[in-house]
Amino acid sequence: MLELGANDALRGLPLATTRDNLSKLVELATHAGARVLLVGMRIPPNYGPRYTAEFEKMYADISGRYHLPMVPFLLQSVALDPTRMQEDGLHPNAKGEPAVLDTLWPTLEPLLKKNH
């Protein structure tokens, strides 16, 4: 599973750099024989609508380029629920982790069962 977390996005790197770095991780993993699941992340809107939208779109672009299965947003079912997020508002707490697994599992399970 490859994913950039909120902390990666909040560094404010140019998106071209972030896209290149994530693409390189995909290439290294696939060349090593790994089956890659790309896991998308969204960032708070305080970086502006263009940066926020392009950050989210980056995952779909890379998924398409490398023909990877993708989960669009890791925190889909917990991000807006403060009872399942840590105080920083960026990371799930122990109560939120089962929901994160529920988001990942439908796409991850088939990859685990696949034979080369």
Protein backbone atom coordinates (compact mmCIF):
# COMPACT_ATOMS: atom_id res chain seq x y z
CA MET A 1 0.00 0.00 0.00
CA LEU A 2 1.37 3.38 -0.98
CA GLU A 3 -0.12 6.52 0.47
CA LEU A 4 1.02 9.99 1.33
CA GLY A 5 -0.38 11.21 4.60
CA ALA A 6 -1.71 14.60 5.51
CA ASN A 7 1.67 15.57 6.93
CA ASP A 8 3.26 14.96 3.53
CA ALA A 9 0.73 17.24 1.87
CA LEU A 10 0.96 19.93 4.52
CA ARG A 11 4.65 20.39 3.79
CA GLY A 12 3.44 22.47 0.84
CA LEU A 13 5.87 20.99 -1.68
CA PRO A 14 5.21 21.80 -5.33
CA LEU A 15 2.73 19.21 -6.60
CA ALA A 16 5.06 18.27 -9.45
CA THR A 17 7.64 17.22 -6.86
CA THR A 18 5.09 15.28 -4.85
CA ARG A 19 3.77 13.58 -8.00
CA ASP A 20 7.30 12.66 -9.10
CA ASN A 21 8.15 11.26 -5.66
CA LEU A 22 5.00 9.15 -5.48
CA SER A 23 5.52 7.93 -9.05
CA LYS A 24 9.07 6.91 -8.19
CA LEU A 25 7.79 4.94 -5.17
CA VAL A 26 5.31 3.15 -7.45
CA GLU A 27 8.05 2.34 -9.94
CA LEU A 28 10.43 1.04 -7.27
CA ALA A 29 7.73 -1.11 -5.71
CA THR A 30 6.48 -2.58 -8.99
CA HIS A 31 10.01 -3.24 -10.26
CA ALA A 32 10.67 -5.12 -7.02
CA GLY A 33 7.67 -7.32 -7.80
CA ALA A 34 5.20 -5.83 -5.35
CA ARG A 35 1.52 -5.51 -6.12
CA VAL A 36 0.72 -1.90 -5.35
CA LEU A 37 -2.47 -0.50 -3.92
CA LEU A 38 -2.48 3.28 -4.22
CA VAL A 39 -4.32 4.92 -1.34
CA GLY A 40 -5.52 8.47 -1.83
CA MET A 41 -5.51 11.25 0.69
CA ARG A 42 -7.23 14.60 0.82
CA ILE A 43 -5.97 17.71 2.50
CA PRO A 44 -7.71 20.53 4.32
CA PRO A 45 -8.77 23.39 2.04
CA ASN A 46 -6.43 25.96 3.61
CA TYR A 47 -3.91 25.48 0.77
CA GLY A 48 -6.44 26.85 -1.68
CA PRO A 49 -8.89 25.14 -4.01
CA ARG A 50 -6.41 24.59 -6.84
CA TYR A 51 -3.70 22.92 -4.72
CA THR A 52 -6.29 20.89 -2.81
CA ALA A 53 -8.00 19.64 -5.99
CA GLU A 54 -4.73 18.89 -7.77
CA PHE A 55 -3.41 16.98 -4.75
CA GLU A 56 -6.49 14.76 -4.79
CA LYS A 57 -6.37 14.36 -8.59
CA MET A 58 -2.72 13.29 -8.42
CA TYR A 59 -3.72 9.87 -7.07
CA ALA A 60 -6.18 9.16 -9.88
CA ASP A 61 -3.60 10.28 -12.45
CA ILE A 62 -0.91 7.99 -11.04
CA SER A 63 -3.36 5.12 -10.66
CA GLY A 64 -4.32 5.45 -14.31
CA ARG A 65 -0.75 5.89 -15.52
CA TYR A 66 0.46 2.72 -13.81
CA HIS A 67 -2.83 0.77 -13.98
CA LEU A 68 -3.04 0.45 -10.21
CA PRO A 69 -6.01 -0.33 -8.03
CA MET A 70 -6.82 2.65 -5.85
CA VAL A 71 -8.76 3.61 -2.77
CA PRO A 72 -9.73 7.25 -3.41
CA PHE A 73 -9.64 8.49 0.21
CA LEU A 74 -8.24 6.52 3.12
CA LEU A 75 -10.17 8.45 5.75
CA GLN A 76 -13.48 8.54 3.88
CA SER A 77 -15.56 7.24 6.77
CA VAL A 78 -13.72 8.90 9.66
CA ALA A 79 -12.34 12.29 8.59
CA LEU A 80 -15.43 14.26 9.55
CA ASP A 81 -16.16 12.32 12.74
CA PRO A 82 -14.25 13.92 15.63
CA THR A 83 -14.96 10.90 17.84
CA ARG A 84 -12.83 8.75 15.52
CA MET A 85 -10.01 11.23 14.90
CA GLN A 86 -7.06 12.29 17.02
CA GLU A 87 -7.04 15.84 18.38
CA ASP A 88 -4.90 16.97 15.43
CA GLY A 89 -7.85 16.30 13.11
CA LEU A 90 -5.51 14.56 10.65
CA HIS A 91 -5.08 11.05 11.99
CA PRO A 92 -7.62 8.43 13.06
CA ASN A 93 -7.66 7.27 16.65
CA ALA A 94 -8.07 3.67 17.83
CA LYS A 95 -11.85 3.96 17.51
CA GLY A 96 -11.48 5.05 13.87
CA GLU A 97 -9.03 2.38 12.72
CA PRO A 98 -11.66 -0.36 12.12
CA ALA A 99 -13.48 2.01 9.75
CA VAL A 100 -10.21 2.69 7.91
CA LEU A 101 -9.79 -1.06 7.43
CA ASP A 102 -13.37 -1.26 6.14
CA THR A 103 -12.45 1.39 3.55
CA LEU A 104 -9.30 -0.45 2.44
CA TRP A 105 -10.35 -4.08 2.62
CA PRO A 106 -12.60 -4.39 -0.47
CA THR A 107 -9.70 -3.27 -2.69
CA LEU A 108 -6.86 -4.80 -0.68
CA GLU A 109 -8.25 -8.31 -0.18
CA PRO A 110 -8.24 -9.28 -3.89
CA LEU A 111 -4.60 -8.19 -4.16
CA LEU A 112 -3.66 -10.42 -1.24
CA LYS A 113 -5.31 -13.40 -2.90
CA LYS A 114 -3.80 -12.83 -6.36
CA ASN A 115 -1.10 -15.18 -7.59
CA HIS A 116 1.71 -13.94 -9.79
